[in-house]
Amino acid sequence: LAVTAAPRFLDLQGDGRKAALHGLKGAINGASGIVFGKA
């Protein structure tokens, strides 16, 4: 069980980085919309 389940949990750091990048993309899209509205 450990050998089959371990690979799923080994790349948590990479998954966290990907999530942070996608969160930043959402923030950029939101900031663009707000700035365009002000402009």
PDB file of all heavy atoms in Angstrom:
ATOM      1  N   LEU A   1       0.830  -1.210   0.000  1.00  0.00           N
ATOM      2  CA  LEU A   1       0.000   0.000   0.000  1.00  0.00           C
ATOM      3  C   LEU A   1       0.864   1.260   0.000  1.00  0.00           C
ATOM      4  O   LEU A   1       0.565   2.231  -0.697  1.00  0.00           O
ATOM      5  CB  LEU A   1      -0.934   0.005   1.212  1.00  0.00           C
ATOM      6  CG  LEU A   1      -2.118  -0.958   1.147  1.00  0.00           C
ATOM      7  CD1 LEU A   1      -2.858  -0.962   2.481  1.00  0.00           C
ATOM      8  CD2 LEU A   1      -3.058  -0.576   0.024  1.00  0.00           C
ATOM      9  N   ALA A   2       1.946   1.254   0.765  1.00  0.00           N
ATOM     10  CA  ALA A   2       2.828   2.429   0.824  1.00  0.00           C
ATOM     11  C   ALA A   2       3.497   2.688  -0.521  1.00  0.00           C
ATOM     12  O   ALA A   2       3.616   3.832  -0.961  1.00  0.00           O
ATOM     13  CB  ALA A   2       3.878   2.231   1.911  1.00  0.00           C
ATOM     14  N   VAL A   3       3.926   1.617  -1.178  1.00  0.00           N
ATOM     15  CA  VAL A   3       4.597   1.778  -2.472  1.00  0.00           C
ATOM     16  C   VAL A   3       3.637   2.294  -3.537  1.00  0.00           C
ATOM     17  O   VAL A   3       4.004   3.107  -4.386  1.00  0.00           O
ATOM     18  CB  VAL A   3       5.240   0.435  -2.911  1.00  0.00           C
ATOM     19  CG1 VAL A   3       5.680   0.477  -4.361  1.00  0.00           C
ATOM     20  CG2 VAL A   3       6.420   0.110  -2.019  1.00  0.00           C
ATOM     21  N   THR A   4       2.394   1.852  -3.514  1.00  0.00           N
ATOM     22  CA  THR A   4       1.441   2.301  -4.538  1.00  0.00           C
ATOM     23  C   THR A   4       0.872   3.677  -4.233  1.00  0.00           C
ATOM     24  O   THR A   4       0.556   4.436  -5.140  1.00  0.00           O
ATOM     25  CB  THR A   4       0.282   1.298  -4.690  1.00  0.00           C
ATOM     26  OG1 THR A   4      -0.366   1.139  -3.431  1.00  0.00           O
ATOM     27  CG2 THR A   4       0.781  -0.031  -5.203  1.00  0.00           C
ATOM     28  N   ALA A   5       0.747   4.050  -2.972  1.00  0.00           N
ATOM     29  CA  ALA A   5       0.139   5.332  -2.618  1.00  0.00           C
ATOM     30  C   ALA A   5       1.158   6.463  -2.530  1.00  0.00           C
ATOM     31  O   ALA A   5       0.826   7.617  -2.758  1.00  0.00           O
ATOM     32  CB  ALA A   5      -0.604   5.207  -1.292  1.00  0.00           C
ATOM     33  N   ALA A   6       2.409   6.165  -2.219  1.00  0.00           N
ATOM     34  CA  ALA A   6       3.417   7.204  -2.006  1.00  0.00           C
ATOM     35  C   ALA A   6       3.623   8.121  -3.210  1.00  0.00           C
ATOM     36  O   ALA A   6       3.719   9.340  -3.032  1.00  0.00           O
ATOM     37  CB  ALA A   6       4.733   6.567  -1.580  1.00  0.00           C
ATOM     38  N   PRO A   7       3.716   7.625  -4.442  1.00  0.00           N
ATOM     39  CA  PRO A   7       3.953   8.535  -5.571  1.00  0.00           C
ATOM     40  C   PRO A   7       2.885   9.620  -5.718  1.00  0.00           C
ATOM     41  O   PRO A   7       3.167  10.704  -6.207  1.00  0.00           O
ATOM     42  CB  PRO A   7       3.953   7.611  -6.790  1.00  0.00           C
ATOM     43  CG  PRO A   7       4.341   6.287  -6.255  1.00  0.00           C
ATOM     44  CD  PRO A   7       3.765   6.236  -4.876  1.00  0.00           C
ATOM     45  N   ARG A   8       1.675   9.350  -5.276  1.00  0.00           N
ATOM     46  CA  ARG A   8       0.623  10.362  -5.375  1.00  0.00           C
ATOM     47  C   ARG A   8       0.890  11.557  -4.478  1.00  0.00           C
ATOM     48  O   ARG A   8       0.442  12.657  -4.745  1.00  0.00           O
ATOM     49  CB  ARG A   8      -0.725   9.763  -4.990  1.00  0.00           C
ATOM     50  CG  ARG A   8      -1.219   8.732  -5.950  1.00  0.00           C
ATOM     51  CD  ARG A   8      -2.531   8.190  -5.465  1.00  0.00           C
ATOM     52  NE  ARG A   8      -2.985   7.132  -6.323  1.00  0.00           N
ATOM     53  CZ  ARG A   8      -4.191   7.058  -6.803  1.00  0.00           C
ATOM     54  NH1 ARG A   8      -5.079   7.962  -6.500  1.00  0.00           N
ATOM     55  NH2 ARG A   8      -4.524   6.066  -7.595  1.00  0.00           N
ATOM     56  N   PHE A   9       1.614  11.350  -3.403  1.00  0.00           N
ATOM     57  CA  PHE A   9       1.814  12.418  -2.425  1.00  0.00           C
ATOM     58  C   PHE A   9       3.213  13.008  -2.463  1.00  0.00           C
ATOM     59  O   PHE A   9       3.515  13.924  -1.719  1.00  0.00           O
ATOM     60  CB  PHE A   9       1.521  11.887  -1.020  1.00  0.00           C
ATOM     61  CG  PHE A   9       0.131  11.350  -0.886  1.00  0.00           C
ATOM     62  CD1 PHE A   9      -0.103   9.998  -0.804  1.00  0.00           C
ATOM     63  CD2 PHE A   9      -0.950  12.214  -0.882  1.00  0.00           C
ATOM     64  CE1 PHE A   9      -1.387   9.495  -0.705  1.00  0.00           C
ATOM     65  CE2 PHE A   9      -2.240  11.734  -0.782  1.00  0.00           C
ATOM     66  CZ  PHE A   9      -2.463  10.368  -0.689  1.00  0.00           C
ATOM     67  N   LEU A  10       4.078  12.511  -3.318  1.00  0.00           N
ATOM     68  CA  LEU A  10       5.449  12.995  -3.365  1.00  0.00           C
ATOM     69  C   LEU A  10       5.572  14.371  -4.006  1.00  0.00           C
ATOM     70  O   LEU A  10       6.473  15.127  -3.679  1.00  0.00           O
ATOM     71  CB  LEU A  10       6.343  12.003  -4.103  1.00  0.00           C
ATOM     72  CG  LEU A  10       6.609  10.695  -3.360  1.00  0.00           C
ATOM     73  CD1 LEU A  10       7.479   9.784  -4.208  1.00  0.00           C
ATOM     74  CD2 LEU A  10       7.269  10.960  -2.028  1.00  0.00           C
ATOM     75  N   ASP A  11       4.712  14.727  -4.938  1.00  0.00           N
ATOM     76  CA  ASP A  11       4.845  15.995  -5.666  1.00  0.00           C
ATOM     77  C   ASP A  11       3.938  17.083  -5.103  1.00  0.00           C
ATOM     78  O   ASP A  11       3.405  17.882  -5.843  1.00  0.00           O
ATOM     79  CB  ASP A  11       4.561  15.764  -7.149  1.00  0.00           C
ATOM     80  CG  ASP A  11       5.037  16.936  -7.993  1.00  0.00           C
ATOM     81  OD1 ASP A  11       5.992  17.619  -7.586  1.00  0.00           O
ATOM     82  OD2 ASP A  11       4.434  17.179  -9.047  1.00  0.00           O
ATOM     83  N   LEU A  12       3.788  17.135  -3.818  1.00  0.00           N
ATOM     84  CA  LEU A  12       2.938  18.157  -3.220  1.00  0.00           C
ATOM     85  C   LEU A  12       3.512  19.556  -3.429  1.00  0.00           C
ATOM     86  O   LEU A  12       2.777  20.513  -3.616  1.00  0.00           O
ATOM     87  CB  LEU A  12       2.744  17.882  -1.726  1.00  0.00           C
ATOM     88  CG  LEU A  12       1.926  16.640  -1.391  1.00  0.00           C
ATOM     89  CD1 LEU A  12       1.843  16.464   0.114  1.00  0.00           C
ATOM     90  CD2 LEU A  12       0.541  16.737  -1.989  1.00  0.00           C
ATOM     91  N   GLN A  13       4.833  19.685  -3.404  1.00  0.00           N
ATOM     92  CA  GLN A  13       5.460  20.991  -3.591  1.00  0.00           C
ATOM     93  C   GLN A  13       5.198  21.516  -5.009  1.00  0.00           C
ATOM     94  O   GLN A  13       4.872  22.680  -5.194  1.00  0.00           O
ATOM     95  CB  GLN A  13       6.950  20.887  -3.322  1.00  0.00           C
ATOM     96  CG  GLN A  13       7.640  22.231  -3.242  1.00  0.00           C
ATOM     97  CD  GLN A  13       9.087  22.082  -2.825  1.00  0.00           C
ATOM     98  OE1 GLN A  13       9.714  21.047  -3.056  1.00  0.00           O
ATOM     99  NE2 GLN A  13       9.637  23.109  -2.217  1.00  0.00           N
ATOM    100  N   GLY A  14       5.327  20.661  -6.005  1.00  0.00           N
ATOM    101  CA  GLY A  14       5.052  21.061  -7.388  1.00  0.00           C
ATOM    102  C   GLY A  14       3.601  21.456  -7.577  1.00  0.00           C
ATOM    103  O   GLY A  14       3.291  22.438  -8.255  1.00  0.00           O
ATOM    104  N   ASP A  15       2.705  20.690  -6.965  1.00  0.00           N
ATOM    105  CA  ASP A  15       1.280  21.023  -7.050  1.00  0.00           C
ATOM    106  C   ASP A  15       1.000  22.365  -6.384  1.00  0.00           C
ATOM    107  O   ASP A  15       0.187  23.151  -6.871  1.00  0.00           O
ATOM    108  CB  ASP A  15       0.426  19.932  -6.393  1.00  0.00           C
ATOM    109  CG  ASP A  15       0.426  18.631  -7.186  1.00  0.00           C
ATOM    110  OD1 ASP A  15       0.807  18.664  -8.373  1.00  0.00           O
ATOM    111  OD2 ASP A  15       0.049  17.594  -6.610  1.00  0.00           O
ATOM    112  N   GLY A  16       1.673  22.630  -5.287  1.00  0.00           N
ATOM    113  CA  GLY A  16       1.503  23.920  -4.605  1.00  0.00           C
ATOM    114  C   GLY A  16       1.980  25.087  -5.455  1.00  0.00           C
ATOM    115  O   GLY A  16       1.345  26.136  -5.512  1.00  0.00           O
ATOM    116  N   ARG A  17       3.099  24.891  -6.144  1.00  0.00           N
ATOM    117  CA  ARG A  17       3.613  25.945  -7.030  1.00  0.00           C
ATOM    118  C   ARG A  17       2.649  26.204  -8.181  1.00  0.00           C
ATOM    119  O   ARG A  17       2.383  27.352  -8.534  1.00  0.00           O
ATOM    120  CB  ARG A  17       4.983  25.555  -7.565  1.00  0.00           C
ATOM    121  CG  ARG A  17       6.078  25.631  -6.535  1.00  0.00           C
ATOM    122  CD  ARG A  17       7.398  25.210  -7.120  1.00  0.00           C
ATOM    123  NE  ARG A  17       8.432  25.285  -6.106  1.00  0.00           N
ATOM    124  CZ  ARG A  17       9.551  24.606  -6.145  1.00  0.00           C
ATOM    125  NH1 ARG A  17       9.794  23.793  -7.161  1.00  0.00           N
ATOM    126  NH2 ARG A  17      10.444  24.724  -5.194  1.00  0.00           N
ATOM    127  N   LYS A  18       2.134  25.126  -8.772  1.00  0.00           N
ATOM    128  CA  LYS A  18       1.174  25.285  -9.865  1.00  0.00           C
ATOM    129  C   LYS A  18      -0.061  26.035  -9.385  1.00  0.00           C
ATOM    130  O   LYS A  18      -0.571  26.926 -10.068  1.00  0.00           O
ATOM    131  CB  LYS A  18       0.762  23.917 -10.418  1.00  0.00           C
ATOM    132  CG  LYS A  18       1.845  23.211 -11.179  1.00  0.00           C
ATOM    133  CD  LYS A  18       1.388  21.818 -11.594  1.00  0.00           C
ATOM    134  CE  LYS A  18       2.544  20.995 -12.118  1.00  0.00           C
ATOM    135  NZ  LYS A  18       2.133  19.618 -12.407  1.00  0.00           N
ATOM    136  N   ALA A  19      -0.534  25.684  -8.208  1.00  0.00           N
ATOM    137  CA  ALA A  19      -1.715  26.367  -7.650  1.00  0.00           C
ATOM    138  C   ALA A  19      -1.433  27.838  -7.405  1.00  0.00           C
ATOM    139  O   ALA A  19      -2.284  28.698  -7.669  1.00  0.00           O
ATOM    140  CB  ALA A  19      -2.156  25.682  -6.358  1.00  0.00           C
ATOM    141  N   ALA A  20      -0.240  28.153  -6.919  1.00  0.00           N
ATOM    142  CA  ALA A  20       0.122  29.559  -6.681  1.00  0.00           C
ATOM    143  C   ALA A  20       0.151  30.334  -7.999  1.00  0.00           C
ATOM    144  O   ALA A  20      -0.321  31.482  -8.062  1.00  0.00           O
ATOM    145  CB  ALA A  20       1.475  29.641  -5.987  1.00  0.00           C
ATOM    146  N   LEU A  21       0.686  29.727  -9.053  1.00  0.00           N
ATOM    147  CA  LEU A  21       0.730  30.398 -10.354  1.00  0.00           C
ATOM    148  C   LEU A  21      -0.673  30.634 -10.904  1.00  0.00           C
ATOM    149  O   LEU A  21      -0.964  31.705 -11.438  1.00  0.00           O
ATOM    150  CB  LEU A  21       1.558  29.590 -11.353  1.00  0.00           C
ATOM    151  CG  LEU A  21       3.052  29.450 -11.059  1.00  0.00           C
ATOM    152  CD1 LEU A  21       3.723  28.615 -12.141  1.00  0.00           C
ATOM    153  CD2 LEU A  21       3.736  30.787 -10.922  1.00  0.00           C
ATOM    154  N   HIS A  22      -1.543  29.642 -10.773  1.00  0.00           N
ATOM    155  CA  HIS A  22      -2.913  29.814 -11.263  1.00  0.00           C
ATOM    156  C   HIS A  22      -3.665  30.841 -10.413  1.00  0.00           C
ATOM    157  O   HIS A  22      -4.503  31.585 -10.936  1.00  0.00           O
ATOM    158  CB  HIS A  22      -3.641  28.473 -11.299  1.00  0.00           C
ATOM    159  CG  HIS A  22      -3.226  27.622 -12.459  1.00  0.00           C
ATOM    160  ND1 HIS A  22      -3.676  27.838 -13.744  1.00  0.00           N
ATOM    161  CD2 HIS A  22      -2.373  26.571 -12.539  1.00  0.00           C
ATOM    162  CE1 HIS A  22      -3.123  26.962 -14.560  1.00  0.00           C
ATOM    163  NE2 HIS A  22      -2.326  26.176 -13.844  1.00  0.00           N
ATOM    164  N   GLY A  23      -3.354  30.913  -9.129  1.00  0.00           N
ATOM    165  CA  GLY A  23      -3.940  31.953  -8.282  1.00  0.00           C
ATOM    166  C   GLY A  23      -3.486  33.334  -8.717  1.00  0.00           C
ATOM    167  O   GLY A  23      -4.278  34.282  -8.752  1.00  0.00           O
ATOM    168  N   LEU A  24      -2.202  33.460  -9.067  1.00  0.00           N
ATOM    169  CA  LEU A  24      -1.683  34.742  -9.556  1.00  0.00           C
ATOM    170  C   LEU A  24      -2.341  35.120 -10.873  1.00  0.00           C
ATOM    171  O   LEU A  24      -2.663  36.288 -11.096  1.00  0.00           O
ATOM    172  CB  LEU A  24      -0.171  34.691  -9.709  1.00  0.00           C
ATOM    173  CG  LEU A  24       0.490  35.973 -10.213  1.00  0.00           C
ATOM    174  CD1 LEU A  24       0.210  37.140  -9.267  1.00  0.00           C
ATOM    175  CD2 LEU A  24       1.982  35.778 -10.386  1.00  0.00           C
ATOM    176  N   LYS A  25      -2.570  34.135 -11.740  1.00  0.00           N
ATOM    177  CA  LYS A  25      -3.261  34.419 -13.008  1.00  0.00           C
ATOM    178  C   LYS A  25      -4.648  34.998 -12.732  1.00  0.00           C
ATOM    179  O   LYS A  25      -5.057  35.973 -13.364  1.00  0.00           O
ATOM    180  CB  LYS A  25      -3.380  33.156 -13.857  1.00  0.00           C
ATOM    181  CG  LYS A  25      -4.125  33.384 -15.155  1.00  0.00           C
ATOM    182  CD  LYS A  25      -4.325  32.110 -15.948  1.00  0.00           C
ATOM    183  CE  LYS A  25      -5.113  32.426 -17.214  1.00  0.00           C
ATOM    184  NZ  LYS A  25      -5.401  31.239 -18.007  1.00  0.00           N
ATOM    185  N   GLY A  26      -5.365  34.419 -11.795  1.00  0.00           N
ATOM    186  CA  GLY A  26      -6.684  34.944 -11.430  1.00  0.00           C
ATOM    187  C   GLY A  26      -6.596  36.357 -10.883  1.00  0.00           C
ATOM    188  O   GLY A  26      -7.424  37.213 -11.202  1.00  0.00           O
ATOM    189  N   ALA A  27      -5.571  36.617 -10.075  1.00  0.00           N
ATOM    190  CA  ALA A  27      -5.377  37.967  -9.527  1.00  0.00           C
ATOM    191  C   ALA A  27      -5.069  38.965 -10.640  1.00  0.00           C
ATOM    192  O   ALA A  27      -5.556  40.100 -10.628  1.00  0.00           O
ATOM    193  CB  ALA A  27      -4.267  37.960  -8.488  1.00  0.00           C
ATOM    194  N   ILE A  28      -4.261  38.545 -11.609  1.00  0.00           N
ATOM    195  CA  ILE A  28      -3.925  39.425 -12.739  1.00  0.00           C
ATOM    196  C   ILE A  28      -5.182  39.743 -13.548  1.00  0.00           C
ATOM    197  O   ILE A  28      -5.418  40.898 -13.917  1.00  0.00           O
ATOM    198  CB  ILE A  28      -2.832  38.783 -13.621  1.00  0.00           C
ATOM    199  CG1 ILE A  28      -1.494  38.802 -12.895  1.00  0.00           C
ATOM    200  CG2 ILE A  28      -2.719  39.494 -14.968  1.00  0.00           C
ATOM    201  CD1 ILE A  28      -0.387  38.027 -13.592  1.00  0.00           C
ATOM    202  N   ASN A  29      -5.980  38.730 -13.832  1.00  0.00           N
ATOM    203  CA  ASN A  29      -7.223  38.960 -14.584  1.00  0.00           C
ATOM    204  C   ASN A  29      -8.161  39.891 -13.816  1.00  0.00           C
ATOM    205  O   ASN A  29      -8.773  40.785 -14.404  1.00  0.00           O
ATOM    206  CB  ASN A  29      -7.910  37.632 -14.902  1.00  0.00           C
ATOM    207  CG  ASN A  29      -7.195  36.852 -15.976  1.00  0.00           C
ATOM    208  OD1 ASN A  29      -6.526  37.420 -16.839  1.00  0.00           O
ATOM    209  ND2 ASN A  29      -7.313  35.543 -15.924  1.00  0.00           N
ATOM    210  N   GLY A  30      -8.265  39.697 -12.514  1.00  0.00           N
ATOM    211  CA  GLY A  30      -9.115  40.569 -11.704  1.00  0.00           C
ATOM    212  C   GLY A  30      -8.606  42.004 -11.672  1.00  0.00           C
ATOM    213  O   GLY A  30      -9.379  42.955 -11.831  1.00  0.00           O
ATOM    214  N   ALA A  31      -7.286  42.167 -11.484  1.00  0.00           N
ATOM    215  CA  ALA A  31      -6.698  43.505 -11.460  1.00  0.00           C
ATOM    216  C   ALA A  31      -6.866  44.199 -12.810  1.00  0.00           C
ATOM    217  O   ALA A  31      -7.145  45.398 -12.870  1.00  0.00           O
ATOM    218  CB  ALA A  31      -5.221  43.425 -11.082  1.00  0.00           C
ATOM    219  N   SER A  32      -6.708  43.448 -13.904  1.00  0.00           N
ATOM    220  CA  SER A  32      -6.884  44.030 -15.248  1.00  0.00           C
ATOM    221  C   SER A  32      -8.296  44.566 -15.424  1.00  0.00           C
ATOM    222  O   SER A  32      -8.491  45.665 -15.962  1.00  0.00           O
ATOM    223  CB  SER A  32      -6.615  42.982 -16.328  1.00  0.00           C
ATOM    224  OG  SER A  32      -5.263  42.676 -16.405  1.00  0.00           O
ATOM    225  N   GLY A  33      -9.284  43.789 -14.991  1.00  0.00           N
ATOM    226  CA  GLY A  33     -10.673  44.231 -15.111  1.00  0.00           C
ATOM    227  C   GLY A  33     -10.964  45.479 -14.296  1.00  0.00           C
ATOM    228  O   GLY A  33     -11.630  46.405 -14.762  1.00  0.00           O
ATOM    229  N   ILE A  34     -10.447  45.526 -13.086  1.00  0.00           N
ATOM    230  CA  ILE A  34     -10.663  46.698 -12.228  1.00  0.00           C
ATOM    231  C   ILE A  34      -9.988  47.927 -12.813  1.00  0.00           C
ATOM    232  O   ILE A  34     -10.580  49.012 -12.873  1.00  0.00           O
ATOM    233  CB  ILE A  34     -10.159  46.406 -10.799  1.00  0.00           C
ATOM    234  CG1 ILE A  34     -11.065  45.364 -10.132  1.00  0.00           C
ATOM    235  CG2 ILE A  34     -10.094  47.685  -9.970  1.00  0.00           C
ATOM    236  CD1 ILE A  34     -10.525  44.813  -8.825  1.00  0.00           C
ATOM    237  N   VAL A  35      -8.741  47.759 -13.252  1.00  0.00           N
ATOM    238  CA  VAL A  35      -8.006  48.894 -13.829  1.00  0.00           C
ATOM    239  C   VAL A  35      -8.687  49.375 -15.106  1.00  0.00           C
ATOM    240  O   VAL A  35      -8.817  50.585 -15.332  1.00  0.00           O
ATOM    241  CB  VAL A  35      -6.525  48.524 -14.076  1.00  0.00           C
ATOM    242  CG1 VAL A  35      -5.818  49.568 -14.927  1.00  0.00           C
ATOM    243  CG2 VAL A  35      -5.798  48.347 -12.750  1.00  0.00           C
ATOM    244  N   PHE A  36      -9.154  48.442 -15.944  1.00  0.00           N
ATOM    245  CA  PHE A  36      -9.832  48.855 -17.173  1.00  0.00           C
ATOM    246  C   PHE A  36     -11.105  49.635 -16.844  1.00  0.00           C
ATOM    247  O   PHE A  36     -11.403  50.634 -17.496  1.00  0.00           O
ATOM    248  CB  PHE A  36     -10.169  47.653 -18.061  1.00  0.00           C
ATOM    249  CG  PHE A  36     -10.732  48.066 -19.393  1.00  0.00           C
ATOM    250  CD1 PHE A  36      -9.893  48.468 -20.413  1.00  0.00           C
ATOM    251  CD2 PHE A  36     -12.103  48.083 -19.611  1.00  0.00           C
ATOM    252  CE1 PHE A  36     -10.404  48.872 -21.643  1.00  0.00           C
ATOM    253  CE2 PHE A  36     -12.628  48.486 -20.836  1.00  0.00           C
ATOM    254  CZ  PHE A  36     -11.775  48.885 -21.853  1.00  0.00           C
ATOM    255  N   GLY A  37     -11.836  49.189 -15.828  1.00  0.00           N
ATOM    256  CA  GLY A  37     -13.034  49.925 -15.410  1.00  0.00           C
ATOM    257  C   GLY A  37     -12.702  51.347 -14.975  1.00  0.00           C
ATOM    258  O   GLY A  37     -13.394  52.304 -15.345  1.00  0.00           O
ATOM    259  N   LYS A  38     -11.636  51.505 -14.208  1.00  0.00           N
ATOM    260  CA  LYS A  38     -11.212  52.843 -13.776  1.00  0.00           C
ATOM    261  C   LYS A  38     -10.770  53.690 -14.974  1.00  0.00           C
ATOM    262  O   LYS A  38     -11.071  54.880 -15.042  1.00  0.00           O
ATOM    263  CB  LYS A  38     -10.075  52.741 -12.758  1.00  0.00           C
ATOM    264  CG  LYS A  38     -10.510  52.244 -11.405  1.00  0.00           C
ATOM    265  CD  LYS A  38      -9.326  52.197 -10.445  1.00  0.00           C
ATOM    266  CE  LYS A  38      -9.758  51.732  -9.069  1.00  0.00           C
ATOM    267  NZ  LYS A  38      -8.631  51.677  -8.130  1.00  0.00           N
ATOM    268  N   ALA A  39     -10.042  53.059 -15.894  1.00  0.00           N
ATOM    269  CA  ALA A  39      -9.586  53.786 -17.086  1.00  0.00           C
ATOM    270  C   ALA A  39     -10.774  54.241 -17.918  1.00  0.00           C
ATOM    271  O   ALA A  39     -10.785  55.368 -18.442  1.00  0.00           O
ATOM    272  CB  ALA A  39      -8.648  52.916 -17.916  1.00  0.00           C
TER     273      ALA A  39
END
